[in-house]
Amino acid sequence: MPSVEFAPGLLLRGIEPPLRLRDFKLIAFDMDSTLINIECVDEIADAVGRKAEVAAITEAAMQGAVTDYKESLRQRVALLKGVTLLDVDRIYRERLQLNPGAEALVDACRQAGLKSLLVSGGFTHFAERVQARLGLDYVRANVLEVRDGALTGRMLDQSWGDICDGDEKRAMLLQTCQLLGISPRQAIAVGDGANDLPMMRAAGLSVAFHAKPLVRQFANVSIETGGLDRLLSVLQR
C-alpha cells in the first residue's frame, strides 16, 4: 500500500486520521536513535578507538542486512572489552540526549492513560536511566558484564533469555499487553531499525522515526522530519 503525505515529512500508510490516542493503552519505544540521539554501542566503542568498526556492523543490522542480530551484537560487544564504567558513565552524561519531542509524546500518552515500555537491543546501563528520566513503566534491555570496573566484552543472560533482539522485542510487547489485559491492537510501537519490525508488526499502530528505508516502507506512520511529538498530529488526545 502506498504512503500518503499527511504533512511535510509525515507519511501515513493504511490508516485514516484522526485516530484517538485514548483508544490505545500501551506505547512501546525502541531506545537508540529513537528515544535518544545516539547508538550507545557505537559511542562505547569510541572509547577504545573502534567506533567506525562497530558502527558499520550496527548500520548493517539496522538496515536489515544482518540475518543474525544476536551474533552481530555479540561481535560488537566483544570489541568493547576494557572500556571502563567511568567511560560509559561519561558517554551517558556528555553524549546521550533525548530526541526532540520525546518528553512531550510520553507526557501526552501518560495523560491519555497509556502505559509505556522501553524495549531495547542496547544496554540497561543506559535504558534504566532513560526509563527513570521519562517515567516509563516497563523496560527490557541487555546487561553488559562488568569485572573490576571494566567491560569484559560479554553480556549476561537474564531470566527471560540471552539477548533482546527483534523476536524478544515482540515477545515483550505481547507479554506486556497480556499483563495489562489488552489486545496488541491497542498498542503503539515506535522504532527506527530492522530489529524493531517484529514488534511493529505485532502492534495496532506502527511508527517509524527517522527510520531506515525498510522500516519506513512498513510503518503506518513515518516521521521523517521533526520530533517524536509529531505523532500527536495524527492522534487526537
Protein backbone atom coordinates (compact mmCIF):
# COMPACT_ATOMS: atom_id res chain seq x y z
CA MET A 1 0.00 0.00 0.00
CA PRO A 2 1.49 3.38 -0.96
CA SER A 3 2.13 6.05 1.64
CA VAL A 4 0.33 9.39 1.67
CA GLU A 5 1.89 12.65 2.82
CA PHE A 6 -0.25 13.85 5.72
CA ALA A 7 2.00 16.85 6.32
CA PRO A 8 5.53 17.75 5.17
CA GLY A 9 7.84 14.99 6.37
CA LEU A 10 4.97 12.96 7.88
CA LEU A 11 3.79 9.96 5.84
CA LEU A 12 0.83 7.68 6.54
CA ARG A 13 0.06 4.20 5.29
CA GLY A 14 -3.08 2.14 5.87
CA ILE A 15 -4.72 4.49 8.38
CA GLU A 16 -7.12 7.42 8.19
CA PRO A 17 -6.59 10.15 10.80
CA PRO A 18 -7.54 11.44 13.14
CA LEU A 19 -7.20 8.45 15.44
CA ARG A 20 -7.90 8.68 19.16
CA LEU A 21 -4.92 8.39 21.49
CA ARG A 22 -7.19 7.13 24.25
CA ASP A 23 -8.15 4.12 22.12
CA PHE A 24 -4.62 2.82 22.73
CA LYS A 25 -3.39 1.51 26.07
CA LEU A 26 0.35 0.94 25.57
CA ILE A 27 3.17 2.64 23.70
CA ALA A 28 6.45 0.74 23.18
CA PHE A 29 9.65 2.52 22.22
CA ASP A 30 12.98 1.43 20.86
CA MET A 31 15.76 3.41 22.54
CA ASP A 32 18.85 4.04 20.39
CA SER A 33 18.21 6.59 17.62
CA THR A 34 14.51 6.58 18.58
CA LEU A 35 14.05 7.90 22.10
CA ILE A 36 17.68 9.04 22.25
CA ASN A 37 20.07 10.61 19.76
CA ILE A 38 22.89 8.02 19.77
CA GLU A 39 23.64 4.35 19.20
CA CYS A 40 25.13 3.55 22.60
CA VAL A 41 27.23 0.61 21.45
CA ASP A 42 28.94 2.79 18.83
CA GLU A 43 29.72 5.50 21.38
CA ILE A 44 31.13 3.00 23.87
CA ALA A 45 33.37 1.62 21.11
CA ASP A 46 34.70 5.13 20.56
CA ALA A 47 36.36 4.88 23.98
CA VAL A 48 38.67 2.16 22.63
CA GLY A 49 39.10 3.64 19.16
CA ARG A 50 36.79 1.16 17.42
CA LYS A 51 33.73 3.28 16.69
CA ALA A 52 33.95 3.03 12.89
CA GLU A 53 34.28 -0.75 13.01
CA VAL A 54 31.35 -1.18 15.41
CA ALA A 55 29.19 1.45 13.72
CA ALA A 56 29.50 -0.38 10.38
CA ILE A 57 28.07 -3.54 11.96
CA THR A 58 25.34 -1.55 13.70
CA GLU A 59 24.31 0.13 10.46
CA ALA A 60 24.13 -3.20 8.63
CA ALA A 61 21.97 -4.64 11.42
CA MET A 62 19.61 -1.67 11.43
CA GLN A 63 19.29 -1.76 7.63
CA GLY A 64 18.28 -5.44 7.83
CA ALA A 65 21.41 -6.63 6.02
CA VAL A 66 22.40 -8.81 9.00
CA THR A 67 20.40 -12.00 9.37
CA ASP A 68 21.65 -12.94 12.86
CA TYR A 69 21.16 -9.91 15.10
CA LYS A 70 22.31 -11.73 18.22
CA GLU A 71 25.63 -12.70 16.69
CA SER A 72 26.16 -9.20 15.33
CA LEU A 73 25.62 -7.78 18.82
CA ARG A 74 27.98 -10.30 20.38
CA GLN A 75 30.62 -9.26 17.83
CA ARG A 76 30.17 -5.60 18.68
CA VAL A 77 30.16 -6.13 22.45
CA ALA A 78 33.34 -8.22 22.21
CA LEU A 79 35.06 -5.13 20.78
CA LEU A 80 34.11 -3.16 23.90
CA LYS A 81 36.33 -5.20 26.20
CA GLY A 82 38.31 -2.99 28.54
CA VAL A 83 36.08 0.07 28.41
CA THR A 84 35.69 1.32 31.99
CA LEU A 85 32.41 2.13 33.70
CA LEU A 86 33.75 5.66 34.09
CA ASP A 87 33.89 5.88 30.29
CA VAL A 88 30.36 4.50 29.99
CA ASP A 89 29.05 6.97 32.56
CA ARG A 90 30.75 9.82 30.73
CA ILE A 91 29.02 8.80 27.49
CA TYR A 92 25.66 8.98 29.25
CA ARG A 93 26.41 12.40 30.72
CA GLU A 94 28.08 14.02 27.73
CA ARG A 95 26.65 12.42 24.60
CA LEU A 96 23.19 11.00 25.30
CA GLN A 97 20.27 13.32 24.73
CA LEU A 98 16.57 12.66 24.42
CA ASN A 99 15.38 13.11 20.87
CA PRO A 100 13.17 16.15 20.21
CA GLY A 101 9.57 15.58 21.18
CA ALA A 102 10.25 12.51 23.34
CA GLU A 103 9.15 14.09 26.61
CA ALA A 104 6.08 15.71 25.04
CA LEU A 105 4.94 12.44 23.46
CA VAL A 106 5.47 10.41 26.62
CA ASP A 107 3.65 13.02 28.72
CA ALA A 108 0.70 13.10 26.32
CA CYS A 109 0.47 9.30 26.35
CA ARG A 110 0.59 9.23 30.15
CA GLN A 111 -2.18 11.84 30.40
CA ALA A 112 -4.29 9.77 27.98
CA GLY A 113 -3.90 6.71 30.24
CA LEU A 114 -1.36 4.74 28.21
CA LYS A 115 1.35 2.65 29.86
CA SER A 116 4.85 2.89 28.38
CA LEU A 117 7.51 0.32 27.53
CA LEU A 118 11.16 0.80 26.60
CA VAL A 119 12.44 -2.30 24.81
CA SER A 120 15.99 -2.08 23.52
CA GLY A 121 18.70 -4.09 21.85
CA GLY A 122 21.00 -1.76 23.77
CA PHE A 123 22.04 -1.89 27.39
CA THR A 124 20.44 -1.50 30.81
CA HIS A 125 23.20 0.91 31.84
CA PHE A 126 21.50 3.47 29.60
CA ALA A 127 17.96 2.10 29.29
CA GLU A 128 17.20 2.13 33.01
CA ARG A 129 18.35 5.74 33.29
CA VAL A 130 16.23 6.76 30.29
CA GLN A 131 13.31 4.90 31.85
CA ALA A 132 13.70 6.87 35.09
CA ARG A 133 14.22 10.15 33.26
CA LEU A 134 11.00 9.79 31.27
CA GLY A 135 8.98 7.94 33.90
CA LEU A 136 8.39 4.90 31.67
CA ASP A 137 6.55 1.94 33.19
CA TYR A 138 8.50 -1.04 31.84
CA VAL A 139 11.95 -1.71 30.40
CA ARG A 140 13.82 -4.59 28.78
CA ALA A 141 17.42 -4.39 27.56
CA ASN A 142 20.72 -6.26 27.61
CA VAL A 143 23.15 -6.39 30.53
CA LEU A 144 26.84 -5.80 29.93
CA GLU A 145 29.14 -7.94 32.06
CA VAL A 146 31.49 -5.89 34.24
CA ARG A 147 34.53 -7.03 36.21
CA ASP A 148 36.89 -4.81 38.19
CA GLY A 149 35.17 -1.71 36.85
CA ALA A 150 35.52 -2.56 33.16
CA LEU A 151 33.53 -4.30 30.45
CA THR A 152 34.50 -7.91 29.75
CA GLY A 153 33.24 -7.94 26.17
CA ARG A 154 30.30 -10.18 27.08
CA MET A 155 26.66 -9.87 28.09
CA LEU A 156 24.88 -11.62 30.94
CA ASP A 157 21.95 -13.97 30.45
CA GLN A 158 18.72 -12.86 32.13
CA SER A 159 15.65 -14.72 33.37
CA TRP A 160 13.88 -14.14 30.05
CA GLY A 161 16.80 -15.14 27.79
CA ASP A 162 20.16 -14.08 26.47
CA ILE A 163 19.78 -11.09 24.12
CA CYS A 164 16.96 -8.65 23.42
CA ASP A 165 16.68 -8.94 19.65
CA GLY A 166 13.70 -8.34 17.38
CA ASP A 167 11.91 -11.51 18.47
CA GLU A 168 12.37 -10.61 22.12
CA LYS A 169 11.06 -7.09 21.49
CA ARG A 170 7.91 -8.61 20.01
CA ALA A 171 7.61 -11.10 22.88
CA MET A 172 7.97 -8.33 25.47
CA LEU A 173 5.33 -6.20 23.77
CA LEU A 174 2.91 -9.14 23.72
CA GLN A 175 3.71 -10.08 27.33
CA THR A 176 3.09 -6.52 28.44
CA CYS A 177 -0.24 -6.48 26.59
CA GLN A 178 -1.18 -9.70 28.35
CA LEU A 179 -0.14 -8.24 31.72
CA LEU A 180 -2.34 -5.20 31.09
CA GLY A 181 -5.23 -7.30 29.80
CA ILE A 182 -5.33 -5.56 26.43
CA SER A 183 -5.17 -6.57 22.79
CA PRO A 184 -1.96 -5.94 20.81
CA ARG A 185 -4.20 -3.87 18.54
CA GLN A 186 -4.31 -1.36 21.42
CA ALA A 187 -0.50 -0.98 21.36
CA ILE A 188 1.68 1.53 19.52
CA ALA A 189 5.24 0.53 18.61
CA VAL A 190 7.87 3.13 17.71
CA GLY A 191 11.25 2.27 16.18
CA ASP A 192 13.82 3.01 13.52
CA GLY A 193 15.69 -0.20 12.66
CA ALA A 194 15.06 -3.65 11.21
CA ASN A 195 15.12 -5.26 14.66
CA ASP A 196 12.05 -3.16 15.57
CA LEU A 197 9.92 -4.63 12.79
CA PRO A 198 8.72 -7.72 14.73
CA MET A 199 7.18 -5.61 17.50
CA MET A 200 5.89 -3.06 14.99
CA ARG A 201 4.11 -5.82 13.07
CA ALA A 202 2.50 -7.08 16.29
CA ALA A 203 1.17 -3.66 17.33
CA GLY A 204 -2.02 -1.97 16.26
CA LEU A 205 -0.14 1.15 15.15
CA SER A 206 3.46 1.13 13.89
CA VAL A 207 5.52 4.31 13.88
CA ALA A 208 8.88 4.82 12.15
CA PHE A 209 11.03 7.66 13.47
CA HIS A 210 13.75 8.94 11.11
CA ALA A 211 14.00 5.27 10.22
CA LYS A 212 15.82 3.00 7.81
CA PRO A 213 14.10 2.52 4.41
CA LEU A 214 12.89 -1.00 5.26
CA VAL A 215 11.11 0.32 8.35
CA ARG A 216 9.67 3.41 6.67
CA GLN A 217 8.15 1.24 3.95
CA PHE A 218 6.27 -0.83 6.51
CA ALA A 219 5.11 1.67 9.12
CA ASN A 220 1.61 3.15 9.43
CA VAL A 221 3.23 6.48 10.37
CA SER A 222 6.68 7.59 9.22
CA ILE A 223 8.07 10.69 10.92
CA GLU A 224 10.78 11.81 8.52
CA THR A 225 11.34 15.35 9.78
CA GLY A 226 10.81 16.93 13.18
CA GLY A 227 10.36 15.34 16.58
CA LEU A 228 8.58 12.36 18.07
CA ASP A 229 5.69 14.55 19.18
CA ARG A 230 4.62 14.90 15.53
CA LEU A 231 2.77 11.65 16.15
CA LEU A 232 0.28 13.73 18.16
CA SER A 233 -0.91 15.42 14.97
CA VAL A 234 -2.22 12.02 13.86
CA LEU A 235 -3.65 11.01 17.24
CA GLN A 236 -6.28 13.20 18.85
CA ARG A 237 -5.80 13.47 22.60
